[in-house]
Protein backbone atom coordinates (compact mmCIF):
# COMPACT_ATOMS: atom_id res chain seq x y z
CA UNK A 1 6.63 19.34 2.42
CA UNK A 2 4.76 17.58 -0.37
CA UNK A 3 6.50 14.49 -1.70
CA UNK A 4 3.96 12.25 -3.43
CA UNK A 5 0.64 12.75 -5.20
CA UNK A 6 -1.67 9.70 -5.18
CA UNK A 7 -5.08 8.79 -6.59
CA UNK A 8 -6.96 5.80 -5.17
CA UNK A 9 -8.38 3.97 -8.22
CA UNK A 10 -9.64 1.15 -5.99
CA UNK A 11 -9.23 0.21 -2.34
CA UNK A 12 -11.56 -2.75 -1.82
CA UNK A 13 -10.78 -6.41 -1.38
CA UNK A 14 -13.64 -7.85 -3.46
CA UNK A 15 -15.95 -9.26 -4.53
CA UNK A 16 -16.92 -5.93 -6.18
CA UNK A 17 -14.73 -6.03 -9.29
CA UNK A 18 -15.14 -2.27 -9.83
CA UNK A 19 -13.26 -1.41 -6.62
CA UNK A 20 -10.13 -3.51 -6.24
CA UNK A 21 -6.66 -2.60 -4.93
CA UNK A 22 -5.14 0.00 -7.28
CA UNK A 23 -3.25 3.23 -6.56
CA UNK A 24 -1.57 5.64 -9.00
CA UNK A 25 1.12 7.99 -7.71
CA UNK A 26 3.98 10.21 -8.79
CA UNK A 27 6.47 12.60 -7.19
CA UNK A 28 4.58 15.77 -6.31
CA UNK A 29 7.03 17.91 -8.28
CA UNK A 30 6.28 16.03 -11.53
CA UNK A 31 3.29 16.22 -13.86
CA UNK A 32 1.09 13.20 -14.48
CA UNK A 33 2.26 13.03 -18.10
CA UNK A 34 5.87 12.83 -16.86
CA UNK A 35 5.18 9.31 -15.65
CA UNK A 36 3.08 7.41 -13.10
CA UNK A 37 3.75 4.47 -10.78
CA UNK A 38 0.89 1.97 -10.43
CA UNK A 39 0.88 0.46 -6.95
CA UNK A 40 -1.19 -2.72 -7.37
CA UNK A 41 -3.50 -3.06 -10.37
CA UNK A 42 -6.75 -4.73 -9.36
CA UNK A 43 -9.07 -2.10 -10.85
CA UNK A 44 -7.90 -0.42 -14.04
CA UNK A 45 -9.06 1.69 -16.94
CA UNK A 46 -12.77 0.98 -16.43
CA UNK A 47 -12.85 2.10 -12.80
CA UNK A 48 -10.59 5.05 -13.60
CA UNK A 49 -12.91 6.16 -16.40
CA UNK A 50 -15.89 6.23 -14.01
CA UNK A 51 -13.91 8.20 -11.42
CA UNK A 52 -12.81 10.83 -13.95
CA UNK A 53 -16.37 11.13 -15.26
CA UNK A 54 -17.57 11.68 -11.69
CA UNK A 55 -14.81 14.18 -10.91
CA UNK A 56 -12.93 15.62 -13.93
CA UNK A 57 -10.64 17.46 -11.47
CA UNK A 58 -9.32 14.21 -9.98
CA UNK A 59 -6.10 14.73 -11.93
CA UNK A 60 -4.71 18.22 -12.54
CA UNK A 61 -6.05 19.49 -15.90
CA UNK A 62 -4.01 18.88 -19.02
CA UNK A 63 -3.20 22.21 -20.69
CA UNK A 64 -2.90 22.10 -24.50
CA UNK A 65 -2.31 25.34 -26.43
CA UNK A 66 -3.47 27.32 -23.44
CA UNK A 67 -6.69 25.34 -23.04
CA UNK A 68 -7.30 23.10 -20.01
CA UNK A 69 -9.15 19.81 -20.27
CA UNK A 70 -9.53 16.66 -18.20
CA UNK A 71 -7.36 13.64 -18.87
CA UNK A 72 -9.02 10.52 -20.22
CA UNK A 73 -8.54 7.22 -18.40
CA UNK A 74 -6.58 5.77 -21.33
CA UNK A 75 -4.25 8.79 -21.30
CA UNK A 76 -3.58 8.40 -17.60
CA UNK A 77 -2.88 4.69 -18.01
CA UNK A 78 -0.55 5.39 -20.94
CA UNK A 79 1.59 7.47 -18.57
CA UNK A 80 2.18 4.49 -16.27
CA UNK A 81 5.89 3.66 -16.32
CA UNK A 82 5.87 0.71 -13.96
CA UNK A 83 3.68 -1.49 -11.78
CA UNK A 84 4.50 -2.44 -8.18
CA UNK A 85 2.68 -5.67 -7.36
CA UNK A 86 2.62 -7.14 -3.84
CA UNK A 87 1.36 -10.57 -4.99
CA UNK A 88 -0.42 -12.09 -7.96
CA UNK A 89 -3.94 -12.65 -6.66
CA UNK A 90 -6.54 -11.47 -9.16
CA UNK A 91 -7.86 -8.65 -6.98
CA UNK A 92 -4.38 -7.09 -7.25
CA UNK A 93 -3.57 -7.71 -10.92
CA UNK A 94 -6.77 -8.01 -12.99
CA UNK A 95 -6.58 -4.41 -14.26
CA UNK A 96 -3.01 -5.00 -15.39
CA UNK A 97 -3.97 -8.23 -17.17
CA UNK A 98 -7.01 -6.84 -18.98
CA UNK A 99 -5.25 -3.66 -20.12
CA UNK A 100 -2.00 -5.31 -21.17
CA UNK A 101 -2.95 -5.74 -24.83
CA UNK A 102 -3.93 -2.11 -25.31
CA UNK A 103 -1.49 -0.16 -23.13
CA UNK A 104 -0.26 3.03 -24.75
CA UNK A 105 2.91 4.93 -24.08
CA UNK A 106 6.37 3.63 -23.30
CA UNK A 107 7.28 0.08 -22.30
CA UNK A 108 6.25 -0.70 -18.75
CA UNK A 109 8.03 -2.72 -16.09
CA UNK A 110 6.29 -5.02 -13.62
CA UNK A 111 8.16 -4.98 -10.30
CA UNK A 112 7.43 -7.86 -7.91
CA UNK A 113 9.17 -10.72 -6.12
CA UNK A 114 10.35 -13.62 -8.26
CA UNK A 115 7.51 -15.87 -7.08
CA UNK A 116 4.85 -13.27 -7.86
CA UNK A 117 6.29 -12.74 -11.34
CA UNK A 118 6.32 -16.48 -11.94
CA UNK A 119 2.67 -16.58 -10.85
CA UNK A 120 1.93 -13.85 -13.39
CA UNK A 121 3.60 -15.99 -16.05
CA UNK A 122 0.93 -18.63 -15.55
CA UNK A 123 -1.62 -16.05 -16.72
CA UNK A 124 0.47 -14.52 -19.54
CA UNK A 125 0.82 -18.01 -21.00
CA UNK A 126 -1.15 -17.87 -24.28
CA UNK A 127 -3.82 -19.90 -22.48
CA UNK A 128 -5.55 -17.82 -19.82
CA UNK A 129 -4.31 -14.65 -21.56
CA UNK A 130 -1.91 -13.89 -24.43
CA UNK A 131 1.77 -13.78 -23.55
CA UNK A 132 2.35 -10.03 -23.34
CA UNK A 133 5.30 -9.88 -20.93
CA UNK A 134 8.96 -10.85 -21.12
CA UNK A 135 11.95 -11.31 -18.82
CA UNK A 136 14.34 -10.14 -21.55
CA UNK A 137 15.35 -6.47 -21.42
CA UNK A 138 16.22 -6.63 -25.13
CA UNK A 139 12.88 -8.16 -26.11
CA UNK A 140 11.31 -4.98 -27.48
CA UNK A 141 8.27 -6.71 -28.97
CA UNK A 142 6.72 -7.10 -25.52
CA UNK A 143 5.02 -4.12 -23.91
CA UNK A 144 5.59 -5.45 -20.38
CA UNK A 145 8.91 -6.38 -18.80
CA UNK A 146 9.28 -8.51 -15.65
CA UNK A 147 11.68 -7.01 -13.10
CA UNK A 148 12.48 -8.91 -9.90
CA UNK A 149 12.41 -7.20 -6.53
CA UNK A 150 14.70 -8.84 -3.97
CA UNK A 151 14.14 -8.87 -0.22
CA UNK A 152 17.77 -7.96 0.48
CA UNK A 153 17.17 -4.86 2.64
CA UNK A 154 18.24 -2.60 -0.23
CA UNK A 155 16.32 0.13 -2.00
CA UNK A 156 16.02 -0.19 -5.77
CA UNK A 157 15.25 2.77 -7.99
CA UNK A 158 12.04 2.14 -9.95
CA UNK A 159 11.41 5.66 -11.25
CA UNK A 160 13.29 8.98 -11.14
CA UNK A 161 13.46 10.08 -7.49
CA UNK A 162 11.53 6.99 -6.27
CA UNK A 163 13.10 3.89 -4.71
CA UNK A 164 11.53 0.82 -3.10
CA UNK A 165 12.58 -1.62 -0.41
CA UNK A 166 10.68 -4.92 -0.47
CA UNK A 167 10.00 -7.24 2.47
CA UNK A 168 8.17 -10.56 2.65
CA UNK A 169 4.78 -10.95 4.32
CA UNK A 170 2.71 -14.03 5.13
CA UNK A 171 -0.62 -14.28 3.33
CA UNK A 172 -1.95 -17.57 4.66
CA UNK A 173 -1.29 -21.07 3.40
CA UNK A 174 -2.85 -23.79 1.31
CA UNK A 175 -2.05 -27.34 0.25
CA UNK A 176 0.98 -26.03 -1.64
CA UNK A 177 2.42 -24.44 1.50
CA UNK A 178 2.75 -20.88 2.77
CA UNK A 179 1.69 -18.08 0.43
CA UNK A 180 3.70 -14.86 0.52
CA UNK A 181 2.82 -11.26 -0.19
CA UNK A 182 5.05 -8.20 0.15
CA UNK A 183 5.36 -4.88 1.94
CA UNK A 184 6.93 -1.88 0.20
CA UNK A 185 8.87 1.00 1.76
CA UNK A 186 8.44 3.64 -0.95
CA UNK A 187 10.97 6.45 -0.68
CA UNK A 188 11.11 9.92 -2.19
CA UNK A 189 14.86 10.03 -2.76
CA UNK A 190 15.43 13.82 -2.73
CA UNK A 191 13.89 14.17 0.75
CA UNK A 192 14.36 10.62 2.11
CA UNK A 193 10.70 10.67 3.17
CA UNK A 194 8.75 7.50 2.56
CA UNK A 195 5.51 5.66 3.16
CA UNK A 196 4.87 2.01 3.95
CA UNK A 197 2.43 -0.05 1.92
CA UNK A 198 1.31 -3.55 2.92
CA UNK A 199 0.01 -6.14 0.51
CA UNK A 200 -2.38 -8.70 1.96
CA UNK A 201 -1.10 -9.98 5.29
CA UNK A 202 -2.12 -12.43 7.97
CA UNK A 203 -1.46 -11.78 11.68
CA UNK A 204 1.93 -12.80 12.98
CA UNK A 205 0.15 -14.25 16.01
CA UNK A 206 -1.29 -17.10 13.92
CA UNK A 207 1.57 -17.49 11.40
CA UNK A 208 3.86 -20.48 11.49
CA UNK A 209 6.77 -18.16 10.64
CA UNK A 210 6.06 -14.54 11.68
CA UNK A 211 7.33 -12.00 9.14
CA UNK A 212 5.46 -8.75 9.82
CA UNK A 213 7.66 -8.19 12.88
CA UNK A 214 10.60 -7.65 10.51
CA UNK A 215 8.68 -4.90 8.72
CA UNK A 216 7.81 -3.18 11.99
CA UNK A 217 11.42 -3.33 13.15
CA UNK A 218 12.53 -1.74 9.89
CA UNK A 219 9.88 0.96 10.16
CA UNK A 220 10.26 1.88 13.83
CA UNK A 221 13.50 3.93 13.62
CA UNK A 222 11.96 6.12 10.90
CA UNK A 223 8.72 7.01 12.67
CA UNK A 224 7.50 9.71 12.53
CA UNK A 225 10.34 11.84 11.16
CA UNK A 226 10.80 10.23 7.74
CA UNK A 227 7.92 7.73 7.73
CA UNK A 228 4.54 8.89 8.94
CA UNK A 229 2.02 7.17 6.65
CA UNK A 230 1.15 3.46 6.50
CA UNK A 231 -1.33 1.74 4.20
CA UNK A 232 -2.43 -1.60 5.64
CA UNK A 233 -5.31 -3.96 5.00
CA UNK A 234 -8.13 -4.89 7.32
CA UNK A 235 -10.31 -7.23 5.31
CA UNK A 236 -12.81 -8.44 7.88
CA UNK A 237 -14.84 -6.82 10.68
CA UNK A 238 -14.37 -7.69 14.35
CA UNK A 239 -15.24 -11.11 15.68
CA UNK A 240 -14.23 -13.24 12.71
CA UNK A 241 -12.61 -16.52 13.76
CA UNK A 242 -8.93 -16.98 13.01
CA UNK A 243 -9.51 -20.01 10.81
CA UNK A 244 -11.77 -17.87 8.59
CA UNK A 245 -9.35 -14.99 8.07
CA UNK A 246 -7.77 -16.66 5.00
CA UNK A 247 -4.51 -14.76 5.35
CA UNK A 248 -6.01 -11.37 6.24
CA UNK A 249 -6.38 -9.02 9.21
CA UNK A 250 -9.39 -8.17 11.37
CA UNK A 251 -9.50 -5.05 13.59
CA UNK A 252 -8.32 -6.92 16.69
CA UNK A 253 -5.36 -8.41 14.86
CA UNK A 254 -4.52 -5.16 13.07
CA UNK A 255 -4.38 -3.22 16.33
CA UNK A 256 -2.27 -5.99 17.88
CA UNK A 257 0.15 -5.51 14.97
CA UNK A 258 0.18 -1.75 15.54
CA UNK A 259 0.92 -2.39 19.20
CA UNK A 260 3.96 -4.42 18.10
CA UNK A 261 5.13 -1.43 16.06
CA UNK A 262 4.57 0.80 19.10
CA UNK A 263 6.67 -1.54 21.25
CA UNK A 264 9.52 -1.40 18.73
CA UNK A 265 9.40 2.39 18.77
CA UNK A 266 9.43 2.49 22.57
CA UNK A 267 12.31 0.02 22.64
CA UNK A 268 14.37 2.28 20.37
CA UNK A 269 13.63 5.31 22.55
CA UNK A 270 14.63 3.38 25.67
CA UNK A 271 17.91 2.34 24.07
CA UNK A 272 18.61 5.91 22.96
CA UNK A 273 18.06 7.14 26.52
CA UNK A 274 20.38 4.45 27.86
CA UNK A 275 23.09 5.39 25.39
CA UNK A 276 22.77 9.06 26.32
CA UNK A 277 23.33 8.10 29.95
CA UNK A 278 26.37 6.01 28.98
CA UNK A 279 25.00 2.88 30.60
CA UNK A 280 26.74 -0.41 29.70
CA UNK A 281 25.34 -2.18 26.65
CA UNK A 282 24.47 -5.29 28.68
CA UNK A 283 22.19 -3.29 30.96
CA UNK A 284 20.65 -1.41 28.02
CA UNK A 285 19.39 -4.69 26.59
CA UNK A 286 17.98 -6.02 29.84
CA UNK A 287 14.56 -4.40 29.45
CA UNK A 288 12.92 -6.00 26.40
CA UNK A 289 9.25 -5.18 26.82
CA UNK A 290 7.12 -2.07 27.12
CA UNK A 291 4.34 -1.43 29.59
CA UNK A 292 0.88 -0.20 28.64
CA UNK A 293 1.76 3.25 29.97
CA UNK A 294 4.92 3.37 27.86
CA UNK A 295 2.95 2.56 24.70
CA UNK A 296 0.62 5.49 25.26
CA UNK A 297 1.09 7.91 22.36
CA UNK A 298 3.89 5.85 20.80
CA UNK A 299 2.28 6.27 17.37
CA UNK A 300 1.68 10.00 17.63
CA UNK A 301 2.24 11.59 14.23
CA UNK A 302 1.46 8.37 12.34
CA UNK A 303 -1.49 8.07 9.97
CA UNK A 304 -2.83 4.65 9.14
CA UNK A 305 -4.88 4.25 5.95
CA UNK A 306 -7.14 1.19 6.11
CA UNK A 307 -7.38 -0.64 2.77
CA UNK A 308 -8.73 -3.88 1.28
CA UNK A 309 -11.98 -4.11 3.25
CA UNK A 310 -14.07 -6.92 1.79
CA UNK A 311 -17.61 -6.16 0.66
CA UNK A 312 -20.63 -7.76 2.27
CA UNK A 313 -23.40 -8.01 -0.30
CA UNK A 314 -25.95 -8.68 2.43
CA UNK A 315 -25.24 -5.44 4.32
CA UNK A 316 -27.40 -2.34 3.97
CA UNK A 317 -25.93 0.83 2.39
CA UNK A 318 -25.86 2.37 5.86
CA UNK A 319 -23.62 -0.47 7.13
CA UNK A 320 -20.82 -0.55 4.59
CA UNK A 321 -18.10 -2.94 5.81
CA UNK A 322 -15.37 -0.37 5.22
CA UNK A 323 -17.12 2.13 7.50
CA UNK A 324 -17.79 -0.52 10.16
CA UNK A 325 -14.18 -1.74 10.09
CA UNK A 326 -12.82 1.81 10.23
CA UNK A 327 -14.83 2.62 13.36
CA UNK A 328 -13.84 -0.65 15.00
CA UNK A 329 -10.14 -0.02 14.37
CA UNK A 330 -10.42 3.54 15.65
CA UNK A 331 -12.13 2.35 18.82
CA UNK A 332 -9.45 -0.23 19.53
CA UNK A 333 -6.59 2.19 18.83
CA UNK A 334 -8.17 4.78 21.11
CA UNK A 335 -8.68 2.11 23.77
CA UNK A 336 -4.97 1.32 23.75
CA UNK A 337 -4.13 5.05 23.51
CA UNK A 338 -1.55 4.36 20.81
CA UNK A 339 -1.97 7.80 19.28
CA UNK A 340 -2.22 6.88 15.58
CA UNK A 341 -4.74 8.64 13.34
CA UNK A 342 -6.91 6.08 11.53
CA UNK A 343 -8.23 6.97 8.06
CA UNK A 344 -9.97 5.04 5.33
CA UNK A 345 -8.55 4.98 1.80
CA UNK A 346 -11.66 5.54 -0.34
CA UNK A 347 -12.01 4.95 -4.06
CA UNK A 348 -11.72 8.31 -5.85
CA UNK A 349 -9.63 9.86 -3.06
CA UNK A 350 -6.65 12.00 -3.96
CA UNK A 351 -3.88 12.08 -1.41
CA UNK A 352 -1.07 14.59 -1.58
CA UNK A 353 1.63 13.24 0.68
CA UNK A 354 2.64 14.72 2.96
CA UNK A 355 0.35 17.72 2.96
CA UNK A 356 -2.67 19.69 1.80
CA UNK A 357 -5.78 17.77 0.80
CA UNK A 358 -7.74 14.65 0.14
CA UNK A 359 -10.32 14.85 -2.62
CA UNK A 360 -13.24 12.43 -2.70
CA UNK A 361 -15.28 12.87 -5.87
CA UNK A 362 -16.23 16.55 -6.16
CA UNK A 363 -15.91 17.09 -2.41
CA UNK A 364 -12.63 18.58 -1.20
CA UNK A 365 -11.78 17.82 2.40
CA UNK A 366 -8.78 19.65 3.91
CA UNK A 367 -6.58 17.52 6.12
CA UNK A 368 -3.49 18.00 8.17
CA UNK A 369 -0.21 16.60 6.92
CA UNK A 370 -0.47 13.06 5.64
């Protein structure tokens, strides 16, 4: 069953400005010109133009009067109907900012939490950048419209057949206090299938107020039947000290987080078994932890896409940080026997969720259901 069609415009975490967090997707049953959702907007038209030049088949050909041709980057961006932004750091919004004055097509909404939208206002202020966005639905002179996402456990429709539930994440702290990002449960309404996308996130184990646990608890009952794909960052390679994570994950911390998800899944299965045996509720709640053996294979059927790996300009081409991080995460997941499949979201990749293929440049690689 194919639900979503996604192109990875950028998946890096900087400092390479040509490959920053940016994903374009739509319901699989729709055409690109019917409308696109931009999930993050770090890289934009420039990166997209290079990707289309490298692989004109990245998007299905546009057929005009019986003749097929490739879309241009500006055409694709004109089809964007809304942006989903996890937080307002530049590596997640710079493509949106730079393109805002020349966006074609219909008016576009920017969906984010109230704080992230207020942060965007400091850029669209006629100082850093012209004021090109408005809070007022009736303010038709502005191409961009701010729309607040609330963390109220509800799904909000952002596009025909697509709804989003938003949850807070920690993303480190500074002299102003804790900085928050967001996680999105993105649902295909006709099938109720969804995927989970994390903005930047620090480990719960070093957070003053853990919040990722709430996301895992919300996800666990859905895995793997209606939720089988998770996009989550891993910015740094193994061995980086906690005080130098700056609100991000390393492989050790990421796999610890995945183990928390596994424990929540096991806990649900244990409770379901207890209910089926008609044991009293008090006894069902007595066991509140899972053993190593019980976690084995708990994430079978789940595919984890690693995103937001930070570039190391001193590394050789044979030691790309994203490849190093991917192998480190795989090794740790295999060591814990959690069962999840670990993949890397690469720039120029096309992902058809939940089936068929991933395309990287001109190379087509068949995959199992994702």
